[in-house]
C-alpha atoms as a PDB file:
ATOM      1  CA  MET A   1      27.988 -81.794  85.221  1.00  0.00           C
ATOM      2  CA  ASN A   2      25.942 -78.802  84.497  1.00  0.00           C
ATOM      3  CA  PHE A   3      26.946 -76.775  81.270  1.00  0.00           C
ATOM      4  CA  VAL A   4      28.432 -74.070  83.074  1.00  0.00           C
ATOM      5  CA  GLN A   5      30.863 -76.276  84.244  1.00  0.00           C
ATOM      6  CA  ARG A   6      31.683 -78.365  81.122  1.00  0.00           C
ATOM      7  CA  LEU A   7      31.927 -74.834  79.356  1.00  0.00           C
ATOM      8  CA  TYR A   8      35.006 -73.911  81.048  1.00  0.00           C
ATOM      9  CA  ARG A   9      36.642 -77.208  79.841  1.00  0.00           C
ATOM     10  CA  ILE A  10      35.673 -76.472  75.992  1.00  0.00           C
ATOM     11  CA  ASN A  11      39.314 -75.185  74.354  1.00  0.00           C
ATOM     12  CA  GLU A  12      37.907 -74.185  71.048  1.00  0.00           C
ATOM     13  CA  LEU A  13      35.453 -71.501  72.844  1.00  0.00           C
ATOM     14  CA  PRO A  14      35.033 -68.340  70.317  1.00  0.00           C
ATOM     15  CA  ALA A  15      37.235 -65.170  71.899  1.00  0.00           C
ATOM     16  CA  LEU A  16      35.852 -61.807  71.896  1.00  0.00           C
ATOM     17  CA  PRO A  17      38.278 -60.265  68.811  1.00  0.00           C
ATOM     18  CA  GLU A  18      40.652 -57.673  70.305  1.00  0.00           C
ATOM     19  CA  ILE A  19      39.423 -55.167  67.901  1.00  0.00           C
ATOM     20  CA  VAL A  20      36.322 -54.808  70.301  1.00  0.00           C
ATOM     21  CA  LEU A  21      38.167 -54.617  73.384  1.00  0.00           C
ATOM     22  CA  GLN A  22      40.552 -52.234  71.583  1.00  0.00           C
ATOM     23  CA  ILE A  23      37.726 -50.032  70.200  1.00  0.00           C
ATOM     24  CA  GLN A  24      35.645 -50.140  74.247  1.00  0.00           C
ATOM     25  CA  SER A  25      38.991 -49.242  76.055  1.00  0.00           C
ATOM     26  CA  LEU A  26      39.783 -46.330  73.375  1.00  0.00           C
ATOM     27  CA  ILE A  27      36.403 -45.084  73.104  1.00  0.00           C
ATOM     28  CA  GLY A  28      36.028 -44.785  76.980  1.00  0.00           C
ATOM     29  CA  SER A  29      39.057 -43.132  77.709  1.00  0.00           C
ATOM     30  CA  ASP A  30      39.621 -39.158  77.791  1.00  0.00           C
ATOM     31  CA  ALA A  31      42.025 -40.045  74.672  1.00  0.00           C
ATOM     32  CA  ALA A  32      39.586 -40.856  72.211  1.00  0.00           C
ATOM     33  CA  ASP A  33      39.241 -38.878  68.705  1.00  0.00           C
ATOM     34  CA  ALA A  34      37.786 -40.355  65.535  1.00  0.00           C
ATOM     35  CA  ARG A  35      41.298 -40.669  63.871  1.00  0.00           C
ATOM     36  CA  LYS A  36      42.676 -43.251  66.729  1.00  0.00           C
ATOM     37  CA  VAL A  37      39.288 -44.815  66.452  1.00  0.00           C
ATOM     38  CA  ALA A  38      39.997 -45.148  62.746  1.00  0.00           C
ATOM     39  CA  ARG A  39      43.297 -46.408  62.466  1.00  0.00           C
ATOM     40  CA  ILE A  40      42.467 -49.369  65.011  1.00  0.00           C
ATOM     41  CA  ILE A  41      39.224 -50.412  62.584  1.00  0.00           C
ATOM     42  CA  GLU A  42      41.350 -49.380  59.745  1.00  0.00           C
ATOM     43  CA  GLN A  43      43.548 -52.539  60.306  1.00  0.00           C
ATOM     44  CA  ASP A  44      40.758 -55.511  59.597  1.00  0.00           C
ATOM     45  CA  VAL A  45      40.347 -54.332  55.814  1.00  0.00           C
ATOM     46  CA  ALA A  46      36.809 -56.350  55.660  1.00  0.00           C
ATOM     47  CA  LEU A  47      35.519 -54.703  59.335  1.00  0.00           C
ATOM     48  CA  SER A  48      36.240 -51.252  57.303  1.00  0.00           C
ATOM     49  CA  ALA A  49      34.391 -52.163  54.546  1.00  0.00           C
ATOM     50  CA  LYS A  50      31.358 -53.250  56.565  1.00  0.00           C
ATOM     51  CA  VAL A  51      31.598 -49.993  58.405  1.00  0.00           C
ATOM     52  CA  LEU A  52      30.979 -47.929  55.371  1.00  0.00           C
ATOM     53  CA  LYS A  53      28.227 -50.022  54.499  1.00  0.00           C
ATOM     54  CA  VAL A  54      26.181 -49.046  57.574  1.00  0.00           C
ATOM     55  CA  ALA A  55      27.219 -45.857  57.269  1.00  0.00           C
ATOM     56  CA  ASN A  56      26.176 -45.248  53.808  1.00  0.00           C
ATOM     57  CA  SER A  57      22.989 -47.011  54.637  1.00  0.00           C
ATOM     58  CA  ALA A  58      19.533 -45.388  53.816  1.00  0.00           C
ATOM     59  CA  TYR A  59      18.877 -45.479  57.956  1.00  0.00           C
ATOM     60  CA  TYR A  60      21.842 -43.209  58.391  1.00  0.00           C
ATOM     61  CA  GLY A  61      20.903 -41.707  55.019  1.00  0.00           C
ATOM     62  CA  PRO A  62      24.318 -39.295  54.973  1.00  0.00           C
ATOM     63  CA  ALA A  63      23.945 -36.162  52.680  1.00  0.00           C
ATOM     64  CA  GLN A  64      26.977 -37.404  50.612  1.00  0.00           C
ATOM     65  CA  LYS A  65      29.046 -40.267  50.850  1.00  0.00           C
ATOM     66  CA  ILE A  66      30.879 -41.689  53.388  1.00  0.00           C
ATOM     67  CA  SER A  67      33.915 -42.519  52.263  1.00  0.00           C
ATOM     68  CA  SER A  68      36.420 -43.138  55.273  1.00  0.00           C
ATOM     69  CA  VAL A  69      35.950 -44.678  58.201  1.00  0.00           C
ATOM     70  CA  GLN A  70      37.005 -41.368  59.984  1.00  0.00           C
ATOM     71  CA  HIS A  71      34.348 -39.642  58.007  1.00  0.00           C
ATOM     72  CA  ALA A  72      32.107 -42.318  59.278  1.00  0.00           C
ATOM     73  CA  ILE A  73      32.720 -41.718  63.023  1.00  0.00           C
ATOM     74  CA  THR A  74      32.374 -38.138  62.887  1.00  0.00           C
ATOM     75  CA  GLN A  75      28.850 -38.749  61.162  1.00  0.00           C
ATOM     76  CA  ILE A  76      27.463 -41.204  63.232  1.00  0.00           C
ATOM     77  CA  GLY A  77      29.642 -41.140  66.609  1.00  0.00           C
ATOM     78  CA  PHE A  78      31.943 -42.776  68.760  1.00  0.00           C
ATOM     79  CA  ASN A  79      28.977 -44.844  70.242  1.00  0.00           C
ATOM     80  CA  GLU A  80      27.011 -46.120  67.369  1.00  0.00           C
ATOM     81  CA  ILE A  81      30.440 -47.016  65.543  1.00  0.00           C
ATOM     82  CA  CYS A  82      31.630 -48.604  68.463  1.00  0.00           C
ATOM     83  CA  ASN A  83      27.758 -50.978  68.237  1.00  0.00           C
ATOM     84  CA  ILE A  84      28.620 -51.502  64.852  1.00  0.00           C
ATOM     85  CA  VAL A  85      31.953 -52.877  65.096  1.00  0.00           C
ATOM     86  CA  THR A  86      30.979 -55.145  68.168  1.00  0.00           C
ATOM     87  CA  THR A  87      27.909 -56.350  66.344  1.00  0.00           C
ATOM     88  CA  VAL A  88      29.571 -57.423  63.312  1.00  0.00           C
ATOM     89  CA  SER A  89      32.413 -58.436  65.367  1.00  0.00           C
ATOM     90  CA  LEU A  90      30.379 -60.583  67.092  1.00  0.00           C
ATOM     91  CA  VAL A  91      28.713 -62.298  64.709  1.00  0.00           C
ATOM     92  CA  ASN A  92      31.466 -62.972  62.691  1.00  0.00           C
ATOM     93  CA  GLN A  93      32.355 -65.492  66.023  1.00  0.00           C
ATOM     94  CA  PHE A  94      29.668 -67.719  65.702  1.00  0.00           C
ATOM     95  CA  PRO A  95      29.489 -69.309  62.201  1.00  0.00           C
ATOM     96  CA  ASN A  96      25.736 -70.450  60.912  1.00  0.00           C
ATOM     97  CA  ARG A  97      26.099 -74.340  60.693  1.00  0.00           C
ATOM     98  CA  SER A  98      23.053 -74.808  62.498  1.00  0.00           C
ATOM     99  CA  THR A  99      20.387 -77.508  61.612  1.00  0.00           C
ATOM    100  CA  ILE A 100      17.814 -76.005  64.468  1.00  0.00           C
ATOM    101  CA  LEU A 101      18.699 -72.160  64.739  1.00  0.00           C
ATOM    102  CA  ASN A 102      17.670 -69.784  62.527  1.00  0.00           C
ATOM    103  CA  TYR A 103      21.013 -67.127  62.785  1.00  0.00           C
ATOM    104  CA  HIS A 104      19.636 -64.115  61.075  1.00  0.00           C
ATOM    105  CA  GLN A 105      16.914 -63.957  63.131  1.00  0.00           C
ATOM    106  CA  PHE A 106      18.626 -64.847  66.202  1.00  0.00           C
ATOM    107  CA  TRP A 107      20.687 -61.760  65.490  1.00  0.00           C
ATOM    108  CA  ARG A 108      18.137 -59.753  64.438  1.00  0.00           C
ATOM    109  CA  HIS A 109      16.163 -60.251  67.480  1.00  0.00           C
ATOM    110  CA  SER A 110      19.567 -59.733  69.832  1.00  0.00           C
ATOM    111  CA  LEU A 111      20.520 -56.293  68.213  1.00  0.00           C
ATOM    112  CA  THR A 112      16.741 -55.188  68.571  1.00  0.00           C
ATOM    113  CA  ALA A 113      17.120 -56.203  72.169  1.00  0.00           C
ATOM    114  CA  ALA A 114      20.108 -54.050  72.013  1.00  0.00           C
ATOM    115  CA  TYR A 115      18.366 -51.146  71.150  1.00  0.00           C
ATOM    116  CA  LEU A 116      15.405 -51.476  73.036  1.00  0.00           C
ATOM    117  CA  ALA A 117      17.613 -51.836  76.297  1.00  0.00           C
ATOM    118  CA  GLN A 118      19.062 -48.434  75.543  1.00  0.00           C
ATOM    119  CA  ASN A 119      15.576 -46.833  74.522  1.00  0.00           C
ATOM    120  CA  ILE A 120      13.965 -48.130  77.543  1.00  0.00           C
ATOM    121  CA  ALA A 121      16.970 -46.686  79.630  1.00  0.00           C
ATOM    122  CA  LYS A 122      16.599 -43.046  78.048  1.00  0.00           C
ATOM    123  CA  MET A 123      12.902 -43.232  78.631  1.00  0.00           C
ATOM    124  CA  SER A 124      13.247 -44.277  82.320  1.00  0.00           C
ATOM    125  CA  THR A 125      13.172 -42.273  85.337  1.00  0.00           C
ATOM    126  CA  VAL A 126      16.027 -43.758  86.862  1.00  0.00           C
ATOM    127  CA  SER A 127      19.663 -41.733  85.593  1.00  0.00           C
ATOM    128  CA  PHE A 128      21.941 -44.209  83.190  1.00  0.00           C
ATOM    129  CA  SER A 129      25.022 -42.994  82.951  1.00  0.00           C
ATOM    130  CA  SER A 130      26.591 -42.826  79.012  1.00  0.00           C
ATOM    131  CA  ASP A 131      28.886 -45.761  80.526  1.00  0.00           C
ATOM    132  CA  GLU A 132      25.879 -47.845  81.551  1.00  0.00           C
ATOM    133  CA  LEU A 133      23.761 -46.748  78.237  1.00  0.00           C
ATOM    134  CA  GLN A 134      26.686 -48.631  76.453  1.00  0.00           C
ATOM    135  CA  TYR A 135      26.763 -51.566  78.816  1.00  0.00           C
ATOM    136  CA  LEU A 136      23.202 -52.033  78.177  1.00  0.00           C
ATOM    137  CA  PHE A 137      23.549 -52.076  74.128  1.00  0.00           C
ATOM    138  CA  LEU A 138      26.153 -54.894  74.546  1.00  0.00           C
ATOM    139  CA  ALA A 139      24.035 -56.740  77.610  1.00  0.00           C
ATOM    140  CA  GLY A 140      21.285 -56.732  75.142  1.00  0.00           C
ATOM    141  CA  LEU A 141      23.272 -57.946  72.031  1.00  0.00           C
ATOM    142  CA  MET A 142      24.790 -60.977  74.413  1.00  0.00           C
ATOM    143  CA  HIS A 143      21.415 -62.007  76.402  1.00  0.00           C
ATOM    144  CA  ASP A 144      21.271 -64.866  74.378  1.00  0.00           C
ATOM    145  CA  VAL A 145      24.515 -66.003  73.525  1.00  0.00           C
ATOM    146  CA  GLY A 146      24.335 -68.748  76.048  1.00  0.00           C
ATOM    147  CA  ILE A 147      21.858 -70.699  73.212  1.00  0.00           C
ATOM    148  CA  LEU A 148      24.554 -69.724  70.562  1.00  0.00           C
ATOM    149  CA  ILE A 149      27.020 -71.690  72.915  1.00  0.00           C
ATOM    150  CA  TYR A 150      24.307 -74.846  73.107  1.00  0.00           C
ATOM    151  CA  ASP A 151      23.818 -74.813  69.650  1.00  0.00           C
ATOM    152  CA  GLN A 152      27.474 -74.796  68.754  1.00  0.00           C
ATOM    153  CA  PHE A 153      28.750 -76.668  71.937  1.00  0.00           C
ATOM    154  CA  PHE A 154      26.294 -78.968  73.431  1.00  0.00           C
ATOM    155  CA  HIS A 155      23.815 -79.561  70.425  1.00  0.00           C
ATOM    156  CA  SER A 156      22.244 -82.562  70.994  1.00  0.00           C
ATOM    157  CA  GLU A 157      20.739 -81.595  74.031  1.00  0.00           C
ATOM    158  CA  PHE A 158      20.127 -78.339  72.597  1.00  0.00           C
ATOM    159  CA  LYS A 159      17.713 -80.387  69.811  1.00  0.00           C
ATOM    160  CA  SER A 160      16.658 -82.342  72.785  1.00  0.00           C
ATOM    161  CA  MET A 161      15.769 -79.250  74.624  1.00  0.00           C
ATOM    162  CA  VAL A 162      13.808 -77.885  71.599  1.00  0.00           C
ATOM    163  CA  GLU A 163      12.206 -80.689  70.255  1.00  0.00           C
ATOM    164  CA  ASP A 164      10.610 -81.556  74.019  1.00  0.00           C
ATOM    165  CA  ALA A 165       9.371 -77.660  73.871  1.00  0.00           C
ATOM    166  CA  THR A 166       8.019 -78.423  70.552  1.00  0.00           C
ATOM    167  CA  ALA A 167       6.375 -81.872  71.783  1.00  0.00           C
ATOM    168  CA  GLN A 168       5.064 -80.161  75.355  1.00  0.00           C
ATOM    169  CA  GLY A 169       3.782 -77.168  73.997  1.00  0.00           C
ATOM    170  CA  GLN A 170       6.508 -75.107  75.844  1.00  0.00           C
ATOM    171  CA  THR A 171       8.167 -72.065  75.689  1.00  0.00           C
ATOM    172  CA  PHE A 172      12.190 -72.276  75.317  1.00  0.00           C
ATOM    173  CA  LEU A 173      12.874 -71.722  78.527  1.00  0.00           C
ATOM    174  CA  GLN A 174      10.807 -73.740  80.859  1.00  0.00           C
ATOM    175  CA  SER A 175      11.898 -76.886  78.387  1.00  0.00           C
ATOM    176  CA  GLU A 176      15.776 -75.915  78.774  1.00  0.00           C
ATOM    177  CA  LEU A 177      15.240 -75.793  82.752  1.00  0.00           C
ATOM    178  CA  ALA A 178      13.442 -79.140  82.375  1.00  0.00           C
ATOM    179  CA  HIS A 179      16.756 -80.359  81.164  1.00  0.00           C
ATOM    180  CA  ALA A 180      19.537 -78.122  82.376  1.00  0.00           C
ATOM    181  CA  GLY A 181      18.251 -77.665  85.920  1.00  0.00           C
ATOM    182  CA  ASN A 182      18.620 -73.650  87.520  1.00  0.00           C
ATOM    183  CA  LEU A 183      21.697 -72.690  85.042  1.00  0.00           C
ATOM    184  CA  SER A 184      19.841 -71.761  82.235  1.00  0.00           C
ATOM    185  CA  HIS A 185      21.451 -70.187  78.948  1.00  0.00           C
ATOM    186  CA  ALA A 186      21.508 -66.850  80.624  1.00  0.00           C
ATOM    187  CA  TRP A 187      24.108 -68.645  83.105  1.00  0.00           C
ATOM    188  CA  VAL A 188      26.058 -69.995  80.272  1.00  0.00           C
ATOM    189  CA  GLY A 189      26.436 -66.560  78.083  1.00  0.00           C
ATOM    190  CA  SER A 190      27.480 -64.675  81.195  1.00  0.00           C
ATOM    191  CA  ALA A 191      29.946 -67.134  81.804  1.00  0.00           C
ATOM    192  CA  LEU A 192      31.256 -67.106  78.495  1.00  0.00           C
ATOM    193  CA  LEU A 193      31.319 -63.276  79.149  1.00  0.00           C
ATOM    194  CA  GLU A 194      33.196 -63.424  82.250  1.00  0.00           C
ATOM    195  CA  LEU A 195      36.098 -65.543  80.119  1.00  0.00           C
ATOM    196  CA  TRP A 196      36.051 -62.850  78.030  1.00  0.00           C
ATOM    197  CA  LYS A 197      37.022 -60.708  80.783  1.00  0.00           C
ATOM    198  CA  LEU A 198      33.375 -58.189  80.198  1.00  0.00           C
ATOM    199  CA  ASP A 199      32.794 -55.368  82.765  1.00  0.00           C
ATOM    200  CA  ILE A 200      30.255 -56.823  85.584  1.00  0.00           C
ATOM    201  CA  PRO A 201      27.547 -54.776  84.630  1.00  0.00           C
ATOM    202  CA  ILE A 202      27.519 -56.208  81.150  1.00  0.00           C
ATOM    203  CA  VAL A 203      27.831 -60.016  82.393  1.00  0.00           C
ATOM    204  CA  SER A 204      25.052 -58.923  85.357  1.00  0.00           C
ATOM    205  CA  GLY A 205      23.019 -57.897  82.853  1.00  0.00           C
ATOM    206  CA  VAL A 206      23.200 -61.040  80.923  1.00  0.00           C
ATOM    207  CA  ARG A 207      23.223 -63.712  83.763  1.00  0.00           C
ATOM    208  CA  PHE A 208      20.051 -61.875  85.228  1.00  0.00           C
ATOM    209  CA  HIS A 209      17.981 -61.102  82.432  1.00  0.00           C
ATOM    210  CA  HIS A 210      15.496 -64.005  82.965  1.00  0.00           C
ATOM    211  CA  GLU A 211      15.256 -62.957  86.797  1.00  0.00           C
ATOM    212  CA  PRO A 212      16.408 -59.663  87.358  1.00  0.00           C
ATOM    213  CA  HIS A 213      15.066 -59.965  91.379  1.00  0.00           C
ATOM    214  CA  LYS A 214      18.423 -62.210  91.774  1.00  0.00           C
ATOM    215  CA  ALA A 215      20.471 -59.437  90.335  1.00  0.00           C
ATOM    216  CA  PRO A 216      23.060 -57.287  93.034  1.00  0.00           C
ATOM    217  CA  GLU A 217      21.199 -54.406  94.639  1.00  0.00           C
ATOM    218  CA  LYS A 218      23.039 -51.961  92.567  1.00  0.00           C
ATOM    219  CA  LEU A 219      23.191 -53.886  89.183  1.00  0.00           C
ATOM    220  CA  LYS A 220      19.140 -54.492  89.350  1.00  0.00           C
ATOM    221  CA  HIS A 221      18.137 -51.626  87.120  1.00  0.00           C
ATOM    222  CA  ILE A 222      20.492 -53.230  84.211  1.00  0.00           C
ATOM    223  CA  ALA A 223      18.814 -56.556  84.827  1.00  0.00           C
ATOM    224  CA  ALA A 224      15.563 -55.115  84.897  1.00  0.00           C
ATOM    225  CA  VAL A 225      16.185 -53.310  81.376  1.00  0.00           C
ATOM    226  CA  ALA A 226      17.117 -56.285  79.725  1.00  0.00           C
ATOM    227  CA  PHE A 227      14.636 -58.194  80.813  1.00  0.00           C
ATOM    228  CA  LEU A 228      12.018 -55.832  79.640  1.00  0.00           C
ATOM    229  CA  ALA A 229      13.733 -55.683  76.510  1.00  0.00           C
ATOM    230  CA  GLU A 230      13.275 -59.239  76.103  1.00  0.00           C
ATOM    231  CA  TYR A 231      10.135 -59.253  77.274  1.00  0.00           C
ATOM    232  CA  VAL A 232       8.825 -56.361  74.899  1.00  0.00           C
ATOM    233  CA  GLU A 233      10.326 -57.825  72.011  1.00  0.00           C
ATOM    234  CA  CYS A 234       9.013 -61.403  72.513  1.00  0.00           C
ATOM    235  CA  SER A 235       5.618 -60.507  73.318  1.00  0.00           C
ATOM    236  CA  PHE A 236       5.792 -57.796  70.046  1.00  0.00           C
ATOM    237  CA  ARG A 237       6.713 -60.906  68.121  1.00  0.00           C
ATOM    238  CA  PRO A 238       5.351 -63.605  69.777  1.00  0.00           C
ATOM    239  CA  ASP A 239       7.325 -66.448  67.267  1.00  0.00           C
ATOM    240  CA  ALA A 240      10.309 -65.143  68.426  1.00  0.00           C
ATOM    241  CA  PHE A 241      12.672 -68.106  69.666  1.00  0.00           C
ATOM    242  CA  GLU A 242      11.941 -68.036  73.068  1.00  0.00           C
ATOM    243  CA  GLY A 243       8.353 -67.761  73.060  1.00  0.00           C
ATOM    244  CA  ARG A 244       6.225 -65.515  75.238  1.00  0.00           C
ATOM    245  CA  ILE A 245       7.937 -64.861  78.540  1.00  0.00           C
ATOM    246  CA  ASP A 246       6.465 -63.912  81.786  1.00  0.00           C
ATOM    247  CA  GLU A 247       4.672 -60.542  82.165  1.00  0.00           C
ATOM    248  CA  PRO A 248       7.228 -58.272  84.647  1.00  0.00           C
ATOM    249  CA  PRO A 249       6.322 -57.901  87.768  1.00  0.00           C
ATOM    250  CA  ALA A 250       5.902 -54.649  89.995  1.00  0.00           C
ATOM    251  CA  GLU A 251       9.685 -54.546  90.938  1.00  0.00           C
ATOM    252  CA  VAL A 252      11.294 -54.614  87.599  1.00  0.00           C
ATOM    253  CA  TRP A 253       8.865 -51.520  86.531  1.00  0.00           C
ATOM    254  CA  ARG A 254      10.093 -49.527  89.496  1.00  0.00           C
ATOM    255  CA  ALA A 255      13.893 -50.825  89.006  1.00  0.00           C
ATOM    256  CA  ALA A 256      13.817 -50.064  85.628  1.00  0.00           C
ATOM    257  CA  GLY A 257      12.092 -46.563  86.433  1.00  0.00           C
ATOM    258  CA  LEU A 258       8.973 -47.015  83.874  1.00  0.00           C
ATOM    259  CA  LEU A 259       4.859 -47.738  84.280  1.00  0.00           C
ATOM    260  CA  PRO A 260       3.723 -50.276  82.728  1.00  0.00           C
ATOM    261  CA  ASP A 261       1.403 -47.775  80.864  1.00  0.00           C
ATOM    262  CA  SER A 262       4.864 -47.417  78.806  1.00  0.00           C
ATOM    263  CA  LEU A 263       3.861 -50.443  76.612  1.00  0.00           C
ATOM    264  CA  PRO A 264       2.401 -48.641  73.746  1.00  0.00           C
ATOM    265  CA  LEU A 265       5.147 -46.655  73.166  1.00  0.00           C
ATOM    266  CA  LEU A 266       7.951 -49.540  73.626  1.00  0.00           C
ATOM    267  CA  TYR A 267       5.411 -51.605  71.178  1.00  0.00           C
ATOM    268  CA  GLU A 268       5.735 -49.050  68.476  1.00  0.00           C
ATOM    269  CA  SER A 269       9.601 -48.230  69.169  1.00  0.00           C
ATOM    270  CA  THR A 270      10.516 -51.782  68.575  1.00  0.00           C
ATOM    271  CA  GLU A 271       8.650 -52.326  65.408  1.00  0.00           C
ATOM    272  CA  LEU A 272      11.531 -49.663  64.036  1.00  0.00           C
ATOM    273  CA  LEU A 273      14.218 -51.246  65.997  1.00  0.00           C
ATOM    274  CA  VAL A 274      13.477 -53.951  64.422  1.00  0.00           C
ATOM    275  CA  GLU A 275      13.523 -52.728  60.915  1.00  0.00           C
ATOM    276  CA  LYS A 276      17.203 -50.855  62.009  1.00  0.00           C
ATOM    277  CA  SER A 277      18.666 -54.451  62.858  1.00  0.00           C
ATOM    278  CA  ASP A 278      17.170 -55.769  59.711  1.00  0.00           C
ATOM    279  CA  LEU A 279      18.918 -53.425  57.613  1.00  0.00           C
ATOM    280  CA  MET A 280      22.103 -53.280  59.446  1.00  0.00           C
ATOM    281  CA  LEU A 281      22.332 -57.234  59.108  1.00  0.00           C
ATOM    282  CA  ALA A 282      21.704 -56.591  55.547  1.00  0.00           C
ATOM    283  CA  THR A 283      23.835 -53.989  54.538  1.00  0.00           C
ATOM    284  CA  SER A 284      26.809 -55.728  56.634  1.00  0.00           C
ATOM    285  CA  GLY A 285      26.280 -59.067  55.101  1.00  0.00           C
ATOM    286  CA  MET A 286      25.197 -61.018  57.750  1.00  0.00           C
END
């Protein structure tokens, strides 16, 4: 029985917080307004406090102190507030009890990939809709969630993967495939997102972020951007958990609507996005 099959038998799997689904649904509708979104967030006092801390952080640099969630929404915008709520809520669903994985580094990598995926899409010659930009943020944020599933529910196997990678001078992905066969953490993570009933483009972006050529034709541009976000970040930070990943083939660049000579600009933006991620994680107490 493989990891995906075993995943469906776990009774205590984390659930996507209801507040995230409510916020995403409202922001994606014609009925969205700052007052309604604020009312949902304010049901959770701890989450409201973290949203206000992030909104008042040096990154956003408000001209005056933001003292209400509704004010934060009008200053930062619906999508960025949705990103903050989703990030904070998701991190809280996976408590750090690992002896193997540095959770702060993990979430910095994931959050940076989320912002980087959106940046890549904005630079692309492919026209990404506003919905697709949001899908890319979520796919980037959750692209490695399968690794957390390994750590929390298949810990002994995960430990063996990491130890074998070190002993044999392999990347984590190489060691993982030797242990798990063709169903990598990308498949494990996407199976969890299916259980959460997330939109298909998000699931596909996670499932195929290491092999975008296998994505459905109409979703190849999503998977290609998710792949490039991880490639750029792992190349920029060679100490990333997964190590370096394969160089993107020409078809991935084409699907993403970019040329390889975009790399210097992507590396430059990555440095700023790592700083933004660190600030958001620190400010929100993660």
